[in-house]
Amino acid sequence: MDLLASLHPAEILSTILYSFLGIGLMGLCWFLLTRIAPFSIVREIEQDQNVALAVLIGSVFLSMAIIIGAVILSS
């Protein structure tokens, strides 16, 4: 089967659209986290070398990515 024949423009467009949607939701999540936290997350991680906070934020983003991916795949 030819690879180019199996590609459909609608699938490519939906993949690009959902990718931007997922990235936008992750950006919104980061914005909300920085606004809700009573301290500067970036300063805590970069200047104070708070590894525990970095691991926590990383796990939040991984879990959000899994949830967003599951929602996109289910639609």
PDB file of N, CA and C in Angstrom:
ATOM      1  N   MET A   1       0.845  -1.179   0.000  1.00  0.00           N
ATOM      2  CA  MET A   1       0.000   0.000   0.000  1.00  0.00           C
ATOM      3  C   MET A   1       0.889   1.241   0.000  1.00  0.00           C
ATOM      4  N   ASP A   2       0.581   2.155  -0.835  1.00  0.00           N
ATOM      5  CA  ASP A   2       1.364   3.373  -0.953  1.00  0.00           C
ATOM      6  C   ASP A   2       1.088   4.281   0.243  1.00  0.00           C
ATOM      7  N   LEU A   3       2.170   4.814   0.799  1.00  0.00           N
ATOM      8  CA  LEU A   3       2.044   5.651   1.991  1.00  0.00           C
ATOM      9  C   LEU A   3       1.263   6.937   1.701  1.00  0.00           C
ATOM     10  N   LEU A   4       1.541   7.540   0.560  1.00  0.00           N
ATOM     11  CA  LEU A   4       0.847   8.789   0.233  1.00  0.00           C
ATOM     12  C   LEU A   4      -0.630   8.574  -0.063  1.00  0.00           C
ATOM     13  N   ALA A   5      -0.975   7.402  -0.574  1.00  0.00           N
ATOM     14  CA  ALA A   5      -2.378   7.137  -0.868  1.00  0.00           C
ATOM     15  C   ALA A   5      -3.187   6.928   0.408  1.00  0.00           C
ATOM     16  N   SER A   6      -2.527   6.498   1.473  1.00  0.00           N
ATOM     17  CA  SER A   6      -3.248   6.246   2.718  1.00  0.00           C
ATOM     18  C   SER A   6      -3.439   7.514   3.556  1.00  0.00           C
ATOM     19  N   LEU A   7      -2.758   8.616   3.200  1.00  0.00           N
ATOM     20  CA  LEU A   7      -2.920   9.868   3.929  1.00  0.00           C
ATOM     21  C   LEU A   7      -4.114  10.639   3.394  1.00  0.00           C
ATOM     22  N   HIS A   8      -4.943  11.098   4.297  1.00  0.00           N
ATOM     23  CA  HIS A   8      -6.123  11.875   3.925  1.00  0.00           C
ATOM     24  C   HIS A   8      -5.967  13.287   4.482  1.00  0.00           C
ATOM     25  N   PRO A   9      -6.289  14.300   3.689  1.00  0.00           N
ATOM     26  CA  PRO A   9      -6.132  15.691   4.161  1.00  0.00           C
ATOM     27  C   PRO A   9      -6.938  15.993   5.420  1.00  0.00           C
ATOM     28  N   ALA A  10      -8.094  15.388   5.578  1.00  0.00           N
ATOM     29  CA  ALA A  10      -8.907  15.653   6.773  1.00  0.00           C
ATOM     30  C   ALA A  10      -8.215  15.123   8.027  1.00  0.00           C
ATOM     31  N   GLU A  11      -7.556  13.986   7.919  1.00  0.00           N
ATOM     32  CA  GLU A  11      -6.843  13.429   9.075  1.00  0.00           C
ATOM     33  C   GLU A  11      -5.648  14.287   9.447  1.00  0.00           C
ATOM     34  N   ILE A  12      -4.940  14.779   8.443  1.00  0.00           N
ATOM     35  CA  ILE A  12      -3.789  15.639   8.702  1.00  0.00           C
ATOM     36  C   ILE A  12      -4.242  16.945   9.345  1.00  0.00           C
ATOM     37  N   LEU A  13      -5.309  17.529   8.822  1.00  0.00           N
ATOM     38  CA  LEU A  13      -5.832  18.775   9.376  1.00  0.00           C
ATOM     39  C   LEU A  13      -6.331  18.594  10.809  1.00  0.00           C
ATOM     40  N   SER A  14      -7.023  17.502  11.070  1.00  0.00           N
ATOM     41  CA  SER A  14      -7.512  17.271  12.428  1.00  0.00           C
ATOM     42  C   SER A  14      -6.363  17.018  13.398  1.00  0.00           C
ATOM     43  N   THR A  15      -5.309  16.349  12.938  1.00  0.00           N
ATOM     44  CA  THR A  15      -4.140  16.135  13.793  1.00  0.00           C
ATOM     45  C   THR A  15      -3.489  17.458  14.156  1.00  0.00           C
ATOM     46  N   ILE A  16      -3.337  18.344  13.179  1.00  0.00           N
ATOM     47  CA  ILE A  16      -2.745  19.653  13.436  1.00  0.00           C
ATOM     48  C   ILE A  16      -3.641  20.471  14.369  1.00  0.00           C
ATOM     49  N   LEU A  17      -4.932  20.443  14.129  1.00  0.00           N
ATOM     50  CA  LEU A  17      -5.877  21.187  14.963  1.00  0.00           C
ATOM     51  C   LEU A  17      -5.853  20.688  16.409  1.00  0.00           C
ATOM     52  N   TYR A  18      -5.904  19.376  16.590  1.00  0.00           N
ATOM     53  CA  TYR A  18      -5.888  18.830  17.942  1.00  0.00           C
ATOM     54  C   TYR A  18      -4.548  19.044  18.630  1.00  0.00           C
ATOM     55  N   SER A  19      -3.469  19.078  17.863  1.00  0.00           N
ATOM     56  CA  SER A  19      -2.159  19.363  18.457  1.00  0.00           C
ATOM     57  C   SER A  19      -2.134  20.775  19.023  1.00  0.00           C
ATOM     58  N   PHE A  20      -2.615  21.746  18.235  1.00  0.00           N
ATOM     59  CA  PHE A  20      -2.665  23.118  18.729  1.00  0.00           C
ATOM     60  C   PHE A  20      -3.636  23.262  19.898  1.00  0.00           C
ATOM     61  N   LEU A  21      -4.724  22.529  19.864  1.00  0.00           N
ATOM     62  CA  LEU A  21      -5.666  22.555  20.976  1.00  0.00           C
ATOM     63  C   LEU A  21      -5.011  22.019  22.246  1.00  0.00           C
ATOM     64  N   GLY A  22      -4.293  20.918  22.140  1.00  0.00           N
ATOM     65  CA  GLY A  22      -3.609  20.347  23.303  1.00  0.00           C
ATOM     66  C   GLY A  22      -2.535  21.267  23.846  1.00  0.00           C
ATOM     67  N   ILE A  23      -1.756  21.880  22.942  1.00  0.00           N
ATOM     68  CA  ILE A  23      -0.717  22.812  23.382  1.00  0.00           C
ATOM     69  C   ILE A  23      -1.347  24.038  24.041  1.00  0.00           C
ATOM     70  N   GLY A  24      -2.443  24.511  23.487  1.00  0.00           N
ATOM     71  CA  GLY A  24      -3.137  25.652  24.089  1.00  0.00           C
ATOM     72  C   GLY A  24      -3.672  25.333  25.478  1.00  0.00           C
ATOM     73  N   LEU A  25      -4.221  24.138  25.648  1.00  0.00           N
ATOM     74  CA  LEU A  25      -4.724  23.751  26.969  1.00  0.00           C
ATOM     75  C   LEU A  25      -3.586  23.591  27.974  1.00  0.00           C
ATOM     76  N   MET A  26      -2.449  23.085  27.527  1.00  0.00           N
ATOM     77  CA  MET A  26      -1.305  22.977  28.428  1.00  0.00           C
ATOM     78  C   MET A  26      -0.792  24.362  28.820  1.00  0.00           C
ATOM     79  N   GLY A  27      -0.800  25.298  27.867  1.00  0.00           N
ATOM     80  CA  GLY A  27      -0.407  26.677  28.186  1.00  0.00           C
ATOM     81  C   GLY A  27      -1.368  27.316  29.164  1.00  0.00           C
ATOM     82  N   LEU A  28      -2.664  27.057  28.988  1.00  0.00           N
ATOM     83  CA  LEU A  28      -3.661  27.562  29.921  1.00  0.00           C
ATOM     84  C   LEU A  28      -3.448  26.971  31.312  1.00  0.00           C
ATOM     85  N   CYS A  29      -3.099  25.705  31.369  1.00  0.00           N
ATOM     86  CA  CYS A  29      -2.819  25.053  32.656  1.00  0.00           C
ATOM     87  C   CYS A  29      -1.624  25.719  33.346  1.00  0.00           C
ATOM     88  N   TRP A  30      -0.558  26.003  32.582  1.00  0.00           N
ATOM     89  CA  TRP A  30       0.612  26.668  33.161  1.00  0.00           C
ATOM     90  C   TRP A  30       0.239  28.069  33.655  1.00  0.00           C
ATOM     91  N   PHE A  31      -0.546  28.799  32.883  1.00  0.00           N
ATOM     92  CA  PHE A  31      -0.973  30.134  33.283  1.00  0.00           C
ATOM     93  C   PHE A  31      -1.770  30.083  34.588  1.00  0.00           C
ATOM     94  N   LEU A  32      -2.697  29.135  34.681  1.00  0.00           N
ATOM     95  CA  LEU A  32      -3.505  29.018  35.898  1.00  0.00           C
ATOM     96  C   LEU A  32      -2.651  28.608  37.095  1.00  0.00           C
ATOM     97  N   LEU A  33      -1.684  27.710  36.885  1.00  0.00           N
ATOM     98  CA  LEU A  33      -0.815  27.295  37.984  1.00  0.00           C
ATOM     99  C   LEU A  33       0.009  28.467  38.513  1.00  0.00           C
ATOM    100  N   THR A  34       0.530  29.283  37.611  1.00  0.00           N
ATOM    101  CA  THR A  34       1.339  30.419  38.073  1.00  0.00           C
ATOM    102  C   THR A  34       0.497  31.485  38.748  1.00  0.00           C
ATOM    103  N   ARG A  35      -0.780  31.592  38.384  1.00  0.00           N
ATOM    104  CA  ARG A  35      -1.647  32.596  39.009  1.00  0.00           C
ATOM    105  C   ARG A  35      -2.205  32.117  40.348  1.00  0.00           C
ATOM    106  N   ILE A  36      -2.454  30.823  40.472  1.00  0.00           N
ATOM    107  CA  ILE A  36      -3.047  30.292  41.699  1.00  0.00           C
ATOM    108  C   ILE A  36      -2.013  30.136  42.814  1.00  0.00           C
ATOM    109  N   ALA A  37      -0.780  29.800  42.449  1.00  0.00           N
ATOM    110  CA  ALA A  37       0.257  29.551  43.459  1.00  0.00           C
ATOM    111  C   ALA A  37       0.553  30.824  44.249  1.00  0.00           C
ATOM    112  N   PRO A  38       0.716  30.690  45.568  1.00  0.00           N
ATOM    113  CA  PRO A  38       0.983  31.878  46.383  1.00  0.00           C
ATOM    114  C   PRO A  38       2.442  32.347  46.301  1.00  0.00           C
ATOM    115  N   PHE A  39       3.254  31.697  45.473  1.00  0.00           N
ATOM    116  CA  PHE A  39       4.664  32.048  45.310  1.00  0.00           C
ATOM    117  C   PHE A  39       5.014  31.927  43.834  1.00  0.00           C
ATOM    118  N   SER A  40       6.174  32.421  43.455  1.00  0.00           N
ATOM    119  CA  SER A  40       6.618  32.357  42.064  1.00  0.00           C
ATOM    120  C   SER A  40       7.175  30.959  41.776  1.00  0.00           C
ATOM    121  N   ILE A  41       6.493  30.215  40.932  1.00  0.00           N
ATOM    122  CA  ILE A  41       6.921  28.854  40.608  1.00  0.00           C
ATOM    123  C   ILE A  41       8.250  28.865  39.872  1.00  0.00           C
ATOM    124  N   VAL A  42       8.397  29.783  38.941  1.00  0.00           N
ATOM    125  CA  VAL A  42       9.629  29.849  38.158  1.00  0.00           C
ATOM    126  C   VAL A  42      10.821  30.177  39.048  1.00  0.00           C
ATOM    127  N   ARG A  43      10.659  31.128  39.968  1.00  0.00           N
ATOM    128  CA  ARG A  43      11.757  31.482  40.874  1.00  0.00           C
ATOM    129  C   ARG A  43      12.109  30.321  41.787  1.00  0.00           C
ATOM    130  N   GLU A  44      11.098  29.633  42.288  1.00  0.00           N
ATOM    131  CA  GLU A  44      11.335  28.491  43.169  1.00  0.00           C
ATOM    132  C   GLU A  44      12.138  27.399  42.467  1.00  0.00           C
ATOM    133  N   ILE A  45      11.806  27.139  41.213  1.00  0.00           N
ATOM    134  CA  ILE A  45      12.486  26.063  40.491  1.00  0.00           C
ATOM    135  C   ILE A  45      13.867  26.505  40.016  1.00  0.00           C
ATOM    136  N   GLU A  46      13.960  27.703  39.434  1.00  0.00           N
ATOM    137  CA  GLU A  46      15.222  28.133  38.834  1.00  0.00           C
ATOM    138  C   GLU A  46      16.230  28.637  39.864  1.00  0.00           C
ATOM    139  N   GLN A  47      15.824  29.553  40.728  1.00  0.00           N
ATOM    140  CA  GLN A  47      16.781  30.167  41.646  1.00  0.00           C
ATOM    141  C   GLN A  47      16.976  29.356  42.913  1.00  0.00           C
ATOM    142  N   ASP A  48      15.891  28.868  43.493  1.00  0.00           N
ATOM    143  CA  ASP A  48      15.996  28.147  44.760  1.00  0.00           C
ATOM    144  C   ASP A  48      16.274  26.662  44.562  1.00  0.00           C
ATOM    145  N   GLN A  49      16.277  26.191  43.311  1.00  0.00           N
ATOM    146  CA  GLN A  49      16.574  24.790  42.976  1.00  0.00           C
ATOM    147  C   GLN A  49      15.654  23.819  43.720  1.00  0.00           C
ATOM    148  N   ASN A  50      14.373  24.117  43.730  1.00  0.00           N
ATOM    149  CA  ASN A  50      13.387  23.289  44.410  1.00  0.00           C
ATOM    150  C   ASN A  50      13.026  22.105  43.496  1.00  0.00           C
ATOM    151  N   VAL A  51      13.714  20.999  43.688  1.00  0.00           N
ATOM    152  CA  VAL A  51      13.538  19.820  42.832  1.00  0.00           C
ATOM    153  C   VAL A  51      12.171  19.186  43.064  1.00  0.00           C
ATOM    154  N   ALA A  52      11.710  19.190  44.288  1.00  0.00           N
ATOM    155  CA  ALA A  52      10.406  18.589  44.582  1.00  0.00           C
ATOM    156  C   ALA A  52       9.286  19.321  43.840  1.00  0.00           C
ATOM    157  N   LEU A  53       9.356  20.629  43.783  1.00  0.00           N
ATOM    158  CA  LEU A  53       8.348  21.398  43.056  1.00  0.00           C
ATOM    159  C   LEU A  53       8.451  21.131  41.556  1.00  0.00           C
ATOM    160  N   ALA A  54       9.660  21.003  41.043  1.00  0.00           N
ATOM    161  CA  ALA A  54       9.844  20.704  39.623  1.00  0.00           C
ATOM    162  C   ALA A  54       9.258  19.343  39.267  1.00  0.00           C
ATOM    163  N   VAL A  55       9.461  18.363  40.123  1.00  0.00           N
ATOM    164  CA  VAL A  55       8.894  17.031  39.886  1.00  0.00           C
ATOM    165  C   VAL A  55       7.370  17.086  39.967  1.00  0.00           C
ATOM    166  N   LEU A  56       6.847  17.839  40.908  1.00  0.00           N
ATOM    167  CA  LEU A  56       5.398  17.981  41.043  1.00  0.00           C
ATOM    168  C   LEU A  56       4.787  18.646  39.812  1.00  0.00           C
ATOM    169  N   ILE A  57       5.383  19.727  39.342  1.00  0.00           N
ATOM    170  CA  ILE A  57       4.875  20.413  38.152  1.00  0.00           C
ATOM    171  C   ILE A  57       4.999  19.501  36.929  1.00  0.00           C
ATOM    172  N   GLY A  58       6.089  18.768  36.827  1.00  0.00           N
ATOM    173  CA  GLY A  58       6.245  17.821  35.723  1.00  0.00           C
ATOM    174  C   GLY A  58       5.183  16.744  35.734  1.00  0.00           C
ATOM    175  N   SER A  59       4.865  16.241  36.908  1.00  0.00           N
ATOM    176  CA  SER A  59       3.830  15.204  36.991  1.00  0.00           C
ATOM    177  C   SER A  59       2.448  15.775  36.690  1.00  0.00           C
ATOM    178  N   VAL A  60       2.215  17.027  37.050  1.00  0.00           N
ATOM    179  CA  VAL A  60       0.940  17.674  36.706  1.00  0.00           C
ATOM    180  C   VAL A  60       0.811  17.786  35.195  1.00  0.00           C
ATOM    181  N   PHE A  61       1.890  18.192  34.515  1.00  0.00           N
ATOM    182  CA  PHE A  61       1.836  18.316  33.062  1.00  0.00           C
ATOM    183  C   PHE A  61       1.698  16.967  32.381  1.00  0.00           C
ATOM    184  N   LEU A  62       2.352  15.935  32.896  1.00  0.00           N
ATOM    185  CA  LEU A  62       2.178  14.601  32.319  1.00  0.00           C
ATOM    186  C   LEU A  62       0.750  14.105  32.480  1.00  0.00           C
ATOM    187  N   SER A  63       0.179  14.319  33.640  1.00  0.00           N
ATOM    188  CA  SER A  63      -1.200  13.879  33.844  1.00  0.00           C
ATOM    189  C   SER A  63      -2.175  14.682  32.986  1.00  0.00           C
ATOM    190  N   MET A  64      -1.944  15.975  32.841  1.00  0.00           N
ATOM    191  CA  MET A  64      -2.788  16.785  31.965  1.00  0.00           C
ATOM    192  C   MET A  64      -2.664  16.336  30.516  1.00  0.00           C
ATOM    193  N   ALA A  65      -1.451  15.990  30.090  1.00  0.00           N
ATOM    194  CA  ALA A  65      -1.254  15.522  28.715  1.00  0.00           C
ATOM    195  C   ALA A  65      -1.987  14.211  28.473  1.00  0.00           C
ATOM    196  N   ILE A  66      -1.966  13.323  29.446  1.00  0.00           N
ATOM    197  CA  ILE A  66      -2.684  12.050  29.306  1.00  0.00           C
ATOM    198  C   ILE A  66      -4.190  12.289  29.235  1.00  0.00           C
ATOM    199  N   ILE A  67      -4.692  13.158  30.079  1.00  0.00           N
ATOM    200  CA  ILE A  67      -6.128  13.455  30.080  1.00  0.00           C
ATOM    201  C   ILE A  67      -6.544  14.122  28.773  1.00  0.00           C
ATOM    202  N   ILE A  68      -5.787  15.120  28.325  1.00  0.00           N
ATOM    203  CA  ILE A  68      -6.126  15.802  27.073  1.00  0.00           C
ATOM    204  C   ILE A  68      -6.049  14.842  25.903  1.00  0.00           C
ATOM    205  N   GLY A  69      -5.031  13.998  25.877  1.00  0.00           N
ATOM    206  CA  GLY A  69      -4.913  13.013  24.802  1.00  0.00           C
ATOM    207  C   GLY A  69      -6.062  12.036  24.788  1.00  0.00           C
ATOM    208  N   ALA A  70      -6.492  11.578  25.952  1.00  0.00           N
ATOM    209  CA  ALA A  70      -7.608  10.649  26.026  1.00  0.00           C
ATOM    210  C   ALA A  70      -8.908  11.303  25.567  1.00  0.00           C
ATOM    211  N   VAL A  71      -9.098  12.550  25.927  1.00  0.00           N
ATOM    212  CA  VAL A  71     -10.315  13.256  25.510  1.00  0.00           C
ATOM    213  C   VAL A  71     -10.314  13.479  24.003  1.00  0.00           C
ATOM    214  N   ILE A  72      -9.182  13.837  23.450  1.00  0.00           N
ATOM    215  CA  ILE A  72      -9.089  14.066  22.006  1.00  0.00           C
ATOM    216  C   ILE A  72      -9.313  12.758  21.249  1.00  0.00           C
ATOM    217  N   LEU A  73      -8.746  11.678  21.720  1.00  0.00           N
ATOM    218  CA  LEU A  73      -8.920  10.391  21.040  1.00  0.00           C
ATOM    219  C   LEU A  73     -10.356   9.864  21.148  1.00  0.00           C
ATOM    220  N   SER A  74     -11.053  10.226  22.217  1.00  0.00           N
ATOM    221  CA  SER A  74     -12.411   9.716  22.380  1.00  0.00           C
ATOM    222  C   SER A  74     -13.429  10.465  21.523  1.00  0.00           C
ATOM    223  N   SER A  75     -13.074  11.644  21.053  1.00  0.00           N
ATOM    224  CA  SER A  75     -14.030  12.421  20.263  1.00  0.00           C
ATOM    225  C   SER A  75     -14.005  12.050  18.798  1.00  0.00           C
TER     226      SER A  75
END
